[in-house]
């Protein structure tokens, strides 16, 4: 008797690329989001939104259409599945809520919102709309993150020092929104370090003391010194955040392990050493990791929200001692609507 021929396997269906629009076409969109989206098989860039034209957009996106507002994009009827919101943080809540109401999935550039309660409510709105909401903590996708997490878990830690120094003039030339309330000041960059700490440490951080240097004319700090505790450590956890730095950037976090060995994450997560000996790292580009994760979440219909870095910044800014900084900033008034 001849055995029956088994049925042919059903061919798997490859999901079509997610049609995504970028909301806010500033530096981070130009240098990170657009190149990664265009190289990613899971996404198709279909539009950009910016209140004023930008010179680089047409060449970088092969003429992808630009809209002046989220409302005009919605009214256009263009088929969109998702948006990446890359505007200043103070605008994130309203734009994300508008996108979710339009039925779109949302990727939030860091920091996701100025205050914790807004991030929490966006999570509620996303659940109600049955859409994906993801906070894109790109620094937590750096190659060093997974091995640091493993080493700390296996060895424990008794101290940590964050050193995050860079020049605001170099990285944010001409920008001023981060000096306004809700802009976070130096923690617009420093929140990357906090996202790494949250990603690798098993215990939460609690702010114990903070000293904030506020430039004349600003509402947010240009430098900060912070001390934390955890449920089991009452000292030895500190950070220095500096936007007035001159010279090569310093994006380091050093841990003293329970056995006395020294673990150092450098270059914002691109380097790692143990007692001065480099550890070989493997991994993808940070934003490639972000978009691959976003693609997975969209197809799974899931959300991924990390609130803790926002909560830490909120605690630092609300409880820190303020003093005048030896610098001044000029903030032009907001344009009349």
Protein backbone atom coordinates (compact mmCIF):
# COMPACT_ATOMS: atom_id res chain seq x y z
CA UNK A 1 0.00 0.00 0.00
CA UNK A 2 1.38 3.40 -0.98
CA UNK A 3 1.62 5.91 1.80
CA UNK A 4 -0.43 9.07 1.20
CA UNK A 5 1.49 12.05 0.04
CA UNK A 6 1.67 14.62 2.84
CA UNK A 7 0.10 17.97 2.03
CA UNK A 8 2.41 20.69 0.83
CA UNK A 9 3.21 23.20 3.54
CA UNK A 10 1.27 26.44 3.35
CA UNK A 11 3.67 29.12 2.18
CA UNK A 12 4.33 31.72 4.84
CA UNK A 13 3.06 35.16 4.06
CA UNK A 14 5.56 37.96 4.51
CA UNK A 15 3.87 41.01 6.06
CA UNK A 16 3.96 44.06 3.84
CA UNK A 17 6.25 46.87 5.01
CA UNK A 18 4.81 49.22 7.61
CA UNK A 19 4.03 52.58 6.02
CA UNK A 20 5.56 55.15 8.36
CA UNK A 21 5.65 58.95 8.53
CA UNK A 22 8.18 61.00 10.48
CA UNK A 23 6.71 63.79 12.58
CA UNK A 24 9.41 66.41 13.09
CA UNK A 25 12.27 66.48 10.60
CA UNK A 26 15.12 67.91 12.63
CA UNK A 27 18.63 66.60 13.19
CA UNK A 28 17.69 63.27 14.79
CA UNK A 29 15.32 62.46 11.93
CA UNK A 30 17.99 63.36 9.37
CA UNK A 31 20.90 61.50 10.94
CA UNK A 32 19.15 58.45 12.44
CA UNK A 33 15.52 57.79 11.57
CA UNK A 34 15.48 58.39 7.80
CA UNK A 35 18.62 56.34 6.98
CA UNK A 36 17.52 53.43 9.16
CA UNK A 37 13.93 53.40 7.87
CA UNK A 38 15.07 53.49 4.25
CA UNK A 39 17.45 50.57 4.83
CA UNK A 40 14.92 48.50 6.82
CA UNK A 41 12.90 45.92 4.89
CA UNK A 42 10.06 46.16 7.39
CA UNK A 43 9.25 49.84 6.74
CA UNK A 44 8.38 52.19 3.90
CA UNK A 45 8.79 55.92 4.49
CA UNK A 46 5.69 57.60 3.08
CA UNK A 47 5.72 61.15 4.47
CA UNK A 48 7.23 63.74 6.73
CA UNK A 49 5.62 66.45 8.84
CA UNK A 50 7.28 69.75 9.71
CA UNK A 51 5.79 73.23 10.11
CA UNK A 52 8.49 74.75 7.87
CA UNK A 53 10.27 73.21 4.85
CA UNK A 54 13.67 71.58 5.43
CA UNK A 55 16.33 71.59 2.77
CA UNK A 56 17.63 68.05 3.23
CA UNK A 57 14.32 66.18 3.06
CA UNK A 58 13.72 65.86 -0.70
CA UNK A 59 17.19 64.54 -1.50
CA UNK A 60 17.35 62.16 1.48
CA UNK A 61 13.90 60.69 0.88
CA UNK A 62 13.70 60.79 -2.93
CA UNK A 63 10.94 63.34 -2.84
CA UNK A 64 8.70 61.75 -0.19
CA UNK A 65 5.88 64.18 0.47
CA UNK A 66 6.13 66.73 3.26
CA UNK A 67 3.14 68.04 5.21
CA UNK A 68 3.01 71.13 7.40
CA UNK A 69 1.08 69.50 10.28
CA UNK A 70 -0.29 66.23 11.56
CA UNK A 71 -3.78 67.45 10.72
CA UNK A 72 -2.93 68.05 7.06
CA UNK A 73 -1.38 64.59 6.85
CA UNK A 74 -4.54 63.03 8.30
CA UNK A 75 -6.78 65.06 5.98
CA UNK A 76 -4.72 64.09 2.92
CA UNK A 77 -6.00 60.52 3.03
CA UNK A 78 -2.47 59.18 2.54
CA UNK A 79 -2.24 55.58 3.71
CA UNK A 80 -0.17 55.53 6.90
CA UNK A 81 0.25 52.72 9.42
CA UNK A 82 2.62 54.31 11.93
CA UNK A 83 4.44 57.49 12.87
CA UNK A 84 7.79 58.22 14.49
CA UNK A 85 7.46 61.36 16.60
CA UNK A 86 10.77 63.27 16.61
CA UNK A 87 9.61 66.72 17.72
CA UNK A 88 10.61 68.46 20.97
CA UNK A 89 9.27 66.51 23.98
CA UNK A 90 6.74 69.15 25.04
CA UNK A 91 4.76 68.41 21.86
CA UNK A 92 4.86 64.60 22.10
CA UNK A 93 1.70 64.02 24.12
CA UNK A 94 -0.67 65.95 21.84
CA UNK A 95 0.86 64.57 18.64
CA UNK A 96 0.88 60.97 19.86
CA UNK A 97 -2.72 61.24 21.05
CA UNK A 98 -3.70 62.63 17.63
CA UNK A 99 -1.88 59.81 15.84
CA UNK A 100 -3.47 57.12 17.99
CA UNK A 101 -6.90 58.64 17.38
CA UNK A 102 -6.17 58.41 13.64
CA UNK A 103 -5.54 54.68 14.06
CA UNK A 104 -1.76 54.80 13.71
CA UNK A 105 0.94 53.03 15.71
CA UNK A 106 3.37 55.38 17.48
CA UNK A 107 7.12 55.35 18.07
CA UNK A 108 8.21 58.07 20.51
CA UNK A 109 11.72 59.48 20.28
CA UNK A 110 13.33 59.99 23.67
CA UNK A 111 12.37 61.45 26.04
CA UNK A 112 8.84 60.23 25.33
CA UNK A 113 7.12 62.99 27.33
CA UNK A 114 8.27 65.76 29.69
CA UNK A 115 6.35 64.29 32.62
CA UNK A 116 5.48 60.77 33.70
CA UNK A 117 1.70 61.23 33.81
CA UNK A 118 1.60 62.04 30.08
CA UNK A 119 3.49 58.86 29.17
CA UNK A 120 1.14 56.83 31.33
CA UNK A 121 -1.92 58.33 29.68
CA UNK A 122 -0.54 57.67 26.18
CA UNK A 123 -0.21 54.04 27.21
CA UNK A 124 -3.90 54.08 28.17
CA UNK A 125 -4.88 55.67 24.86
CA UNK A 126 -2.83 53.11 22.91
CA UNK A 127 -4.48 50.21 24.71
CA UNK A 128 -7.94 51.66 24.10
CA UNK A 129 -7.13 52.20 20.41
CA UNK A 130 -5.56 48.73 20.12
CA UNK A 131 -2.45 50.26 18.65
CA UNK A 132 1.25 49.90 19.41
CA UNK A 133 3.03 52.56 21.46
CA UNK A 134 6.79 52.21 21.92
CA UNK A 135 9.27 54.42 23.75
CA UNK A 136 12.51 54.39 21.76
CA UNK A 137 15.29 54.38 24.34
CA UNK A 138 17.99 53.94 21.71
CA UNK A 139 20.89 53.98 24.19
CA UNK A 140 19.41 50.91 25.89
CA UNK A 141 19.90 49.11 22.55
CA UNK A 142 23.67 49.73 22.49
CA UNK A 143 25.93 46.66 22.11
CA UNK A 144 27.26 46.84 25.69
CA UNK A 145 23.85 46.67 27.36
CA UNK A 146 23.23 42.91 27.31
CA UNK A 147 26.70 41.94 28.63
CA UNK A 148 26.58 44.61 31.34
CA UNK A 149 23.22 43.28 32.50
CA UNK A 150 24.62 39.74 32.64
CA UNK A 151 27.78 40.77 34.53
CA UNK A 152 25.88 42.84 37.11
CA UNK A 153 23.34 40.07 37.62
CA UNK A 154 26.08 37.48 38.17
CA UNK A 155 28.39 39.61 40.34
CA UNK A 156 26.30 42.26 42.06
CA UNK A 157 27.44 45.87 42.51
CA UNK A 158 28.33 48.17 45.37
CA UNK A 159 28.89 51.49 43.54
CA UNK A 160 28.12 53.30 40.28
CA UNK A 161 29.32 56.56 38.74
CA UNK A 162 27.76 58.11 35.64
CA UNK A 163 29.85 60.68 33.74
CA UNK A 164 27.93 62.24 30.85
CA UNK A 165 29.67 65.28 29.37
CA UNK A 166 29.16 66.93 25.98
CA UNK A 167 28.80 70.35 24.35
CA UNK A 168 25.27 71.64 23.85
CA UNK A 169 26.55 74.01 21.15
CA UNK A 170 27.97 71.08 19.19
CA UNK A 171 25.00 68.72 19.46
CA UNK A 172 22.11 71.23 19.47
CA UNK A 173 23.28 74.26 17.47
CA UNK A 174 20.57 76.91 17.30
CA UNK A 175 18.02 74.91 19.31
CA UNK A 176 16.47 76.39 22.45
CA UNK A 177 13.41 74.31 23.38
CA UNK A 178 15.29 72.23 25.96
CA UNK A 179 15.86 75.35 28.11
CA UNK A 180 12.12 75.88 28.47
CA UNK A 181 9.91 74.17 31.09
CA UNK A 182 9.50 70.55 30.02
CA UNK A 183 12.70 70.63 27.97
CA UNK A 184 14.87 68.81 30.59
CA UNK A 185 18.05 70.81 29.81
CA UNK A 186 21.16 68.65 30.23
CA UNK A 187 18.92 65.65 30.84
CA UNK A 188 17.76 65.73 27.23
CA UNK A 189 21.10 63.96 26.72
CA UNK A 190 21.61 62.65 30.25
CA UNK A 191 18.38 60.66 30.13
CA UNK A 192 20.27 58.27 27.82
CA UNK A 193 22.51 57.35 30.73
CA UNK A 194 19.48 56.86 32.96
CA UNK A 195 17.84 54.62 30.35
CA UNK A 196 20.98 52.46 30.36
CA UNK A 197 21.03 52.27 34.16
CA UNK A 198 17.38 51.24 34.21
CA UNK A 199 18.02 48.60 31.54
CA UNK A 200 20.95 46.89 33.27
CA UNK A 201 20.29 47.21 37.01
CA UNK A 202 18.01 44.85 38.90
CA UNK A 203 17.16 47.39 41.61
CA UNK A 204 15.46 50.77 41.11
CA UNK A 205 17.26 54.07 41.62
CA UNK A 206 15.88 56.66 44.05
CA UNK A 207 17.09 60.28 44.00
CA UNK A 208 18.72 61.24 47.27
CA UNK A 209 20.33 64.61 46.45
CA UNK A 210 20.82 66.75 43.35
CA UNK A 211 22.55 70.06 42.61
CA UNK A 212 21.39 71.82 39.45
CA UNK A 213 23.14 74.73 37.69
CA UNK A 214 20.56 76.89 35.86
CA UNK A 215 21.70 79.35 33.15
CA UNK A 216 20.33 82.87 33.24
CA UNK A 217 17.18 82.98 31.13
CA UNK A 218 16.60 79.21 31.33
CA UNK A 219 14.23 77.00 33.30
CA UNK A 220 16.35 73.85 33.10
CA UNK A 221 19.92 72.93 34.12
CA UNK A 222 23.09 72.95 32.04
CA UNK A 223 24.93 70.80 34.61
CA UNK A 224 23.81 68.52 37.40
CA UNK A 225 25.32 66.44 40.17
CA UNK A 226 23.10 63.64 41.44
CA UNK A 227 23.27 61.03 44.19
CA UNK A 228 20.97 58.02 44.34
CA UNK A 229 20.11 55.13 46.62
CA UNK A 230 18.60 51.72 45.92
CA UNK A 231 16.65 49.43 48.27
CA UNK A 232 19.98 47.87 49.36
CA UNK A 233 22.56 50.65 48.76
CA UNK A 234 22.49 53.93 50.67
CA UNK A 235 25.61 55.46 49.12
CA UNK A 236 28.14 55.11 46.30
CA UNK A 237 25.70 55.90 43.46
CA UNK A 238 26.38 59.23 41.76
CA UNK A 239 26.31 61.03 38.44
CA UNK A 240 27.69 64.16 36.78
CA UNK A 241 25.85 65.55 33.77
CA UNK A 242 27.49 68.45 31.93
CA UNK A 243 26.43 70.32 28.78
CA UNK A 244 29.21 72.91 29.05
CA UNK A 245 31.98 70.40 28.32
CA UNK A 246 34.73 71.25 25.88
CA UNK A 247 36.64 68.57 24.04
CA UNK A 248 35.85 64.94 23.39
CA UNK A 249 32.52 63.73 24.70
CA UNK A 250 32.47 61.47 27.75
CA UNK A 251 29.56 59.02 27.93
CA UNK A 252 30.68 56.55 30.59
CA UNK A 253 29.15 54.54 33.41
CA UNK A 254 31.48 52.76 35.85
CA UNK A 255 30.38 50.09 38.32
CA UNK A 256 32.31 48.62 41.21
CA UNK A 257 31.24 45.00 41.50
CA UNK A 258 30.77 43.19 44.80
CA UNK A 259 34.10 41.40 44.25
CA UNK A 260 35.89 44.74 43.81
CA UNK A 261 36.34 44.51 40.05
CA UNK A 262 35.62 47.58 37.91
CA UNK A 263 33.23 47.41 34.97
CA UNK A 264 33.17 50.44 32.62
CA UNK A 265 30.69 51.13 29.86
CA UNK A 266 32.09 53.79 27.52
CA UNK A 267 31.09 55.66 24.34
CA UNK A 268 27.45 55.55 25.38
CA UNK A 269 27.37 51.77 25.25
CA UNK A 270 29.68 51.24 22.30
CA UNK A 271 32.57 50.12 24.51
CA UNK A 272 32.97 47.90 27.57
CA UNK A 273 35.90 46.88 29.75
CA UNK A 274 36.46 44.86 32.92
CA UNK A 275 39.47 45.91 35.03
CA UNK A 276 40.76 47.82 31.99
CA UNK A 277 40.57 44.86 29.60
CA UNK A 278 38.25 45.44 26.65
CA UNK A 279 35.31 43.09 26.06
CA UNK A 280 34.38 42.27 22.47
CA UNK A 281 30.87 43.46 21.70
CA UNK A 282 28.36 42.28 19.14
CA UNK A 283 25.12 43.89 18.10
CA UNK A 284 23.34 46.08 15.60
CA UNK A 285 23.16 49.84 15.26
CA UNK A 286 21.03 51.33 18.05
CA UNK A 287 18.29 52.64 15.76
CA UNK A 288 18.24 49.45 13.71
CA UNK A 289 17.48 47.68 16.98
CA UNK A 290 14.77 50.24 17.79
CA UNK A 291 13.01 49.82 14.45
CA UNK A 292 13.28 46.04 14.42
CA UNK A 293 11.67 45.99 17.85
CA UNK A 294 8.96 48.41 16.72
CA UNK A 295 8.22 46.21 13.70
CA UNK A 296 7.83 43.16 15.97
CA UNK A 297 5.51 45.02 18.34
CA UNK A 298 3.32 46.37 15.53
CA UNK A 299 2.81 42.91 14.04
CA UNK A 300 2.13 41.49 17.53
CA UNK A 301 -0.28 44.28 18.46
CA UNK A 302 1.69 45.03 21.62
CA UNK A 303 3.00 48.09 23.49
CA UNK A 304 6.39 48.59 25.13
CA UNK A 305 6.62 51.53 27.50
CA UNK A 306 9.60 52.29 29.75
CA UNK A 307 8.62 55.00 32.23
CA UNK A 308 11.54 54.91 34.68
CA UNK A 309 14.01 57.32 33.00
CA UNK A 310 11.29 59.98 32.77
CA UNK A 311 10.40 59.46 36.43
CA UNK A 312 14.06 59.81 37.47
CA UNK A 313 14.48 63.09 35.55
CA UNK A 314 11.21 64.38 36.97
CA UNK A 315 12.41 63.56 40.50
CA UNK A 316 15.79 65.22 39.93
CA UNK A 317 14.30 68.43 38.52
CA UNK A 318 11.60 68.68 41.18
CA UNK A 319 13.79 68.00 44.24
CA UNK A 320 17.24 69.27 43.23
CA UNK A 321 18.83 72.34 44.77
CA UNK A 322 19.15 75.10 42.15
CA UNK A 323 21.91 77.65 41.78
CA UNK A 324 22.88 80.15 39.04
CA UNK A 325 25.20 78.82 36.33
CA UNK A 326 28.09 80.78 34.86
CA UNK A 327 26.37 81.06 31.48
CA UNK A 328 23.27 82.59 29.93
CA UNK A 329 20.92 81.52 27.17
CA UNK A 330 18.59 83.55 25.00
CA UNK A 331 15.21 82.02 24.33
CA UNK A 332 13.15 83.77 21.65
CA UNK A 333 9.40 83.89 22.23
CA UNK A 334 7.25 81.21 20.67
CA UNK A 335 5.84 82.25 17.29
CA UNK A 336 2.29 83.58 17.27
CA UNK A 337 -0.08 80.87 15.99
